[in-house]
Amino acid sequence: MYNVKKLLLAISLTLSFSQKLEPIDVAMQDLETIIQTASRADQRVIVEDFTGLL
């Protein structure tokens, strides 16, 4: 019975975190949508990339 509880806990934790998106992925999807919308409207989009590289 103890092993079944551990298994159910592990499965529930796995399923709860499996659909979590990284914040950078969400930001990239938003940026892609903005660029596509601007392209369709024949507008320009200025994007600055701050990578922190020296």
C-alpha atoms as a PDB file:
ATOM      1  CA  MET A   1       0.000   0.000   0.000  1.00  0.00           C
ATOM      2  CA  TYR A   2       2.885   2.364   0.809  1.00  0.00           C
ATOM      3  CA  ASN A   3       4.443   1.774  -2.627  1.00  0.00           C
ATOM      4  CA  VAL A   4       1.139   2.538  -4.339  1.00  0.00           C
ATOM      5  CA  LYS A   5       0.917   5.886  -2.525  1.00  0.00           C
ATOM      6  CA  LYS A   6       4.466   6.758  -3.565  1.00  0.00           C
ATOM      7  CA  LEU A   7       3.681   5.789  -7.158  1.00  0.00           C
ATOM      8  CA  LEU A   8       0.512   7.901  -7.231  1.00  0.00           C
ATOM      9  CA  LEU A   9       2.385  10.852  -5.765  1.00  0.00           C
ATOM     10  CA  ALA A  10       5.147  10.532  -8.358  1.00  0.00           C
ATOM     11  CA  ILE A  11       2.636  10.301 -11.215  1.00  0.00           C
ATOM     12  CA  SER A  12       0.645  13.306 -10.004  1.00  0.00           C
ATOM     13  CA  LEU A  13       3.793  15.426  -9.647  1.00  0.00           C
ATOM     14  CA  THR A  14       5.014  14.393 -13.080  1.00  0.00           C
ATOM     15  CA  LEU A  15       1.719  15.256 -14.739  1.00  0.00           C
ATOM     16  CA  SER A  16       1.394  18.582 -12.950  1.00  0.00           C
ATOM     17  CA  PHE A  17       4.803  19.825 -14.134  1.00  0.00           C
ATOM     18  CA  SER A  18       4.805  18.273 -17.602  1.00  0.00           C
ATOM     19  CA  GLN A  19       2.848  21.132 -19.221  1.00  0.00           C
ATOM     20  CA  LYS A  20       4.790  23.964 -17.602  1.00  0.00           C
ATOM     21  CA  LEU A  21       6.374  26.242 -20.207  1.00  0.00           C
ATOM     22  CA  GLU A  22       9.557  28.147 -19.608  1.00  0.00           C
ATOM     23  CA  PRO A  23       9.060  31.933 -19.435  1.00  0.00           C
ATOM     24  CA  ILE A  24      11.476  32.411 -22.341  1.00  0.00           C
ATOM     25  CA  ASP A  25       9.364  30.105 -24.508  1.00  0.00           C
ATOM     26  CA  VAL A  26       6.255  32.159 -23.779  1.00  0.00           C
ATOM     27  CA  ALA A  27       8.128  35.386 -24.540  1.00  0.00           C
ATOM     28  CA  MET A  28       9.409  33.969 -27.834  1.00  0.00           C
ATOM     29  CA  GLN A  29       5.887  32.924 -28.833  1.00  0.00           C
ATOM     30  CA  ASP A  30       4.607  36.421 -28.028  1.00  0.00           C
ATOM     31  CA  LEU A  31       7.411  37.998 -30.054  1.00  0.00           C
ATOM     32  CA  GLU A  32       6.708  35.699 -32.997  1.00  0.00           C
ATOM     33  CA  THR A  33       3.019  36.658 -32.923  1.00  0.00           C
ATOM     34  CA  ILE A  34       3.868  40.368 -32.838  1.00  0.00           C
ATOM     35  CA  ILE A  35       6.262  40.040 -35.774  1.00  0.00           C
ATOM     36  CA  GLN A  36       3.776  38.030 -37.841  1.00  0.00           C
ATOM     37  CA  THR A  37       1.002  40.540 -37.164  1.00  0.00           C
ATOM     38  CA  ALA A  38       3.249  43.464 -38.079  1.00  0.00           C
ATOM     39  CA  SER A  39       4.374  41.715 -41.248  1.00  0.00           C
ATOM     40  CA  ARG A  40       0.790  41.175 -42.356  1.00  0.00           C
ATOM     41  CA  ALA A  41      -0.002  44.842 -41.680  1.00  0.00           C
ATOM     42  CA  ASP A  42       3.124  45.938 -43.606  1.00  0.00           C
ATOM     43  CA  GLN A  43       4.624  47.494 -40.470  1.00  0.00           C
ATOM     44  CA  ARG A  44       8.181  47.485 -39.174  1.00  0.00           C
ATOM     45  CA  VAL A  45       9.242  46.010 -35.855  1.00  0.00           C
ATOM     46  CA  ILE A  46      12.467  47.036 -34.124  1.00  0.00           C
ATOM     47  CA  VAL A  47      13.870  44.335 -31.852  1.00  0.00           C
ATOM     48  CA  GLU A  48      16.856  44.800 -29.563  1.00  0.00           C
ATOM     49  CA  ASP A  49      18.646  41.729 -28.274  1.00  0.00           C
ATOM     50  CA  PHE A  50      20.221  41.996 -24.832  1.00  0.00           C
ATOM     51  CA  THR A  51      22.088  38.735 -24.380  1.00  0.00           C
ATOM     52  CA  GLY A  52      24.530  39.845 -21.708  1.00  0.00           C
ATOM     53  CA  LEU A  53      27.525  38.627 -23.696  1.00  0.00           C
ATOM     54  CA  LEU A  54      30.722  40.656 -23.500  1.00  0.00           C
END
